[in-house]
Amino acid sequence: MKSMITVDRDEDGVYIAECPAIPGCVSQGHTEQEAIENIRDAIRECLTVRAEHGMPLTVATREVEIALA
């Protein structure tokens, strides 16, 4: 399974990784690579919990175009 993630660096220098298709699925790391490894584990766990609760595994994500002034 492949999932899109976002990786951003916060004001303390910690890398935050999130999987937008799975609400609440967020992890972090001291390096970008660590955050990516951690989000992989978080995705597995989130999918397991969602399946156990009969929830859809993911939600729809869309790309939209926005005009900037």
N, C-alpha and C. Protein backbone atom coordinates (compact mmCIF):
# COMPACT_ATOMS: atom_id res chain seq x y z
N MET A 1 0.85 -1.18 0.00
CA MET A 1 0.00 0.00 0.00
C MET A 1 0.89 1.23 0.00
N LYS A 2 0.50 2.23 -0.76
CA LYS A 2 1.22 3.50 -0.77
C LYS A 2 0.30 4.59 -0.23
N SER A 3 0.87 5.50 0.53
CA SER A 3 0.13 6.62 1.07
C SER A 3 0.94 7.89 0.90
N MET A 4 0.25 8.97 0.59
CA MET A 4 0.89 10.28 0.53
C MET A 4 1.07 10.78 1.96
N ILE A 5 2.19 11.43 2.23
CA ILE A 5 2.42 12.05 3.52
C ILE A 5 2.92 13.47 3.31
N THR A 6 2.81 14.26 4.36
CA THR A 6 3.43 15.57 4.36
C THR A 6 4.51 15.55 5.44
N VAL A 7 5.58 16.29 5.22
CA VAL A 7 6.64 16.41 6.21
C VAL A 7 6.96 17.90 6.33
N ASP A 8 6.94 18.40 7.55
CA ASP A 8 7.21 19.80 7.82
C ASP A 8 8.11 19.88 9.04
N ARG A 9 8.80 20.96 9.17
CA ARG A 9 9.67 21.17 10.33
C ARG A 9 9.06 22.25 11.20
N ASP A 10 8.90 21.95 12.50
CA ASP A 10 8.29 22.94 13.39
C ASP A 10 9.32 23.93 13.91
N GLU A 11 8.85 24.86 14.74
CA GLU A 11 9.72 25.93 15.23
C GLU A 11 10.85 25.44 16.14
N ASP A 12 10.72 24.22 16.66
CA ASP A 12 11.77 23.64 17.50
C ASP A 12 12.74 22.77 16.70
N GLY A 13 12.52 22.67 15.38
CA GLY A 13 13.39 21.87 14.53
C GLY A 13 12.99 20.42 14.42
N VAL A 14 11.86 20.04 15.01
CA VAL A 14 11.38 18.66 14.94
C VAL A 14 10.61 18.48 13.64
N TYR A 15 10.82 17.36 12.99
CA TYR A 15 10.10 17.06 11.75
C TYR A 15 8.78 16.38 12.09
N ILE A 16 7.70 16.91 11.52
CA ILE A 16 6.35 16.39 11.74
C ILE A 16 5.88 15.76 10.43
N ALA A 17 5.46 14.50 10.50
CA ALA A 17 4.93 13.80 9.33
C ALA A 17 3.47 13.49 9.57
N GLU A 18 2.68 13.63 8.52
CA GLU A 18 1.24 13.41 8.63
C GLU A 18 0.74 12.70 7.38
N CYS A 19 -0.24 11.84 7.56
CA CYS A 19 -0.89 11.16 6.44
C CYS A 19 -2.29 11.75 6.30
N PRO A 20 -2.50 12.68 5.36
CA PRO A 20 -3.79 13.36 5.24
C PRO A 20 -4.98 12.43 4.98
N ALA A 21 -4.74 11.27 4.39
CA ALA A 21 -5.84 10.35 4.08
C ALA A 21 -6.33 9.59 5.30
N ILE A 22 -5.59 9.70 6.42
CA ILE A 22 -5.99 9.01 7.65
C ILE A 22 -6.06 10.07 8.76
N PRO A 23 -7.27 10.54 9.07
CA PRO A 23 -7.41 11.60 10.07
C PRO A 23 -6.71 11.25 11.39
N GLY A 24 -5.91 12.19 11.88
CA GLY A 24 -5.23 12.00 13.15
C GLY A 24 -3.94 11.21 13.09
N CYS A 25 -3.55 10.79 11.90
CA CYS A 25 -2.34 9.98 11.76
C CYS A 25 -1.13 10.89 11.58
N VAL A 26 -0.45 11.13 12.70
CA VAL A 26 0.67 12.07 12.74
C VAL A 26 1.80 11.44 13.54
N SER A 27 3.03 11.73 13.15
CA SER A 27 4.19 11.29 13.90
C SER A 27 5.28 12.35 13.76
N GLN A 28 6.42 12.10 14.37
CA GLN A 28 7.51 13.07 14.33
C GLN A 28 8.84 12.37 14.44
N GLY A 29 9.90 13.14 14.23
CA GLY A 29 11.26 12.63 14.38
C GLY A 29 12.25 13.76 14.44
N HIS A 30 13.45 13.46 14.94
CA HIS A 30 14.50 14.47 15.02
C HIS A 30 15.09 14.78 13.65
N THR A 31 14.96 13.82 12.72
CA THR A 31 15.40 14.03 11.34
C THR A 31 14.22 13.74 10.43
N GLU A 32 14.33 14.20 9.19
CA GLU A 32 13.26 13.92 8.23
C GLU A 32 13.11 12.42 8.03
N GLN A 33 14.21 11.70 7.91
CA GLN A 33 14.16 10.25 7.71
C GLN A 33 13.51 9.55 8.90
N GLU A 34 13.82 9.99 10.11
CA GLU A 34 13.21 9.39 11.30
C GLU A 34 11.70 9.64 11.32
N ALA A 35 11.29 10.84 10.93
CA ALA A 35 9.86 11.14 10.88
C ALA A 35 9.16 10.26 9.85
N ILE A 36 9.80 10.01 8.72
CA ILE A 36 9.21 9.16 7.68
C ILE A 36 9.10 7.72 8.17
N GLU A 37 10.14 7.23 8.84
CA GLU A 37 10.07 5.87 9.39
C GLU A 37 8.97 5.78 10.44
N ASN A 38 8.85 6.80 11.28
CA ASN A 38 7.84 6.79 12.33
C ASN A 38 6.42 6.88 11.77
N ILE A 39 6.22 7.65 10.69
CA ILE A 39 4.87 7.75 10.13
C ILE A 39 4.47 6.43 9.49
N ARG A 40 5.43 5.67 8.97
CA ARG A 40 5.09 4.34 8.45
C ARG A 40 4.48 3.48 9.54
N ASP A 41 5.11 3.49 10.73
CA ASP A 41 4.58 2.72 11.86
C ASP A 41 3.21 3.26 12.27
N ALA A 42 3.08 4.59 12.31
CA ALA A 42 1.81 5.20 12.71
C ALA A 42 0.70 4.83 11.73
N ILE A 43 1.01 4.81 10.43
CA ILE A 43 0.01 4.44 9.43
C ILE A 43 -0.47 3.01 9.66
N ARG A 44 0.47 2.09 9.88
CA ARG A 44 0.09 0.70 10.16
C ARG A 44 -0.85 0.62 11.36
N GLU A 45 -0.49 1.31 12.43
CA GLU A 45 -1.30 1.27 13.64
C GLU A 45 -2.67 1.91 13.43
N CYS A 46 -2.70 3.05 12.76
CA CYS A 46 -3.98 3.72 12.49
C CYS A 46 -4.90 2.84 11.65
N LEU A 47 -4.33 2.20 10.63
CA LEU A 47 -5.15 1.32 9.78
C LEU A 47 -5.70 0.15 10.57
N THR A 48 -4.89 -0.41 11.47
CA THR A 48 -5.35 -1.52 12.31
C THR A 48 -6.50 -1.10 13.19
N VAL A 49 -6.36 0.04 13.85
CA VAL A 49 -7.42 0.53 14.75
C VAL A 49 -8.68 0.85 13.97
N ARG A 50 -8.54 1.50 12.83
CA ARG A 50 -9.72 1.84 12.02
C ARG A 50 -10.44 0.57 11.56
N ALA A 51 -9.68 -0.44 11.17
CA ALA A 51 -10.29 -1.71 10.75
C ALA A 51 -11.01 -2.38 11.92
N GLU A 52 -10.40 -2.38 13.09
CA GLU A 52 -11.01 -2.98 14.28
C GLU A 52 -12.32 -2.30 14.65
N HIS A 53 -12.43 -1.02 14.37
CA HIS A 53 -13.65 -0.27 14.69
C HIS A 53 -14.63 -0.18 13.52
N GLY A 54 -14.33 -0.88 12.44
CA GLY A 54 -15.22 -0.88 11.29
C GLY A 54 -15.27 0.44 10.55
N MET A 55 -14.24 1.24 10.71
CA MET A 55 -14.19 2.55 10.05
C MET A 55 -13.56 2.39 8.68
N PRO A 56 -13.87 3.30 7.76
CA PRO A 56 -13.16 3.28 6.48
C PRO A 56 -11.66 3.46 6.77
N LEU A 57 -10.83 2.76 6.03
CA LEU A 57 -9.39 2.83 6.28
C LEU A 57 -8.84 4.21 6.00
N THR A 58 -9.34 4.86 4.95
CA THR A 58 -8.87 6.19 4.59
C THR A 58 -10.06 7.06 4.22
N VAL A 59 -9.80 8.34 4.12
CA VAL A 59 -10.81 9.28 3.62
C VAL A 59 -10.31 9.82 2.28
N ALA A 60 -11.21 10.33 1.49
CA ALA A 60 -10.84 10.86 0.18
C ALA A 60 -10.02 12.14 0.33
N THR A 61 -9.00 12.24 -0.45
CA THR A 61 -8.24 13.50 -0.53
C THR A 61 -8.33 13.99 -1.97
N ARG A 62 -8.32 15.29 -2.13
CA ARG A 62 -8.42 15.89 -3.45
C ARG A 62 -7.37 16.96 -3.60
N GLU A 63 -6.97 17.20 -4.83
CA GLU A 63 -6.08 18.30 -5.14
C GLU A 63 -6.94 19.37 -5.79
N VAL A 64 -6.82 20.59 -5.29
CA VAL A 64 -7.58 21.70 -5.86
C VAL A 64 -6.61 22.79 -6.29
N GLU A 65 -7.03 23.55 -7.26
CA GLU A 65 -6.23 24.69 -7.73
C GLU A 65 -6.78 25.96 -7.13
N ILE A 66 -5.89 26.78 -6.62
CA ILE A 66 -6.29 28.03 -5.97
C ILE A 66 -5.53 29.17 -6.61
N ALA A 67 -6.26 30.18 -7.07
CA ALA A 67 -5.61 31.34 -7.67
C ALA A 67 -5.11 32.25 -6.55
N LEU A 68 -3.86 32.69 -6.68
CA LEU A 68 -3.29 33.62 -5.72
C LEU A 68 -3.29 35.01 -6.33
N ALA A 69 -3.64 35.97 -5.51
CA ALA A 69 -3.72 37.35 -5.99
C ALA A 69 -2.35 37.93 -6.23
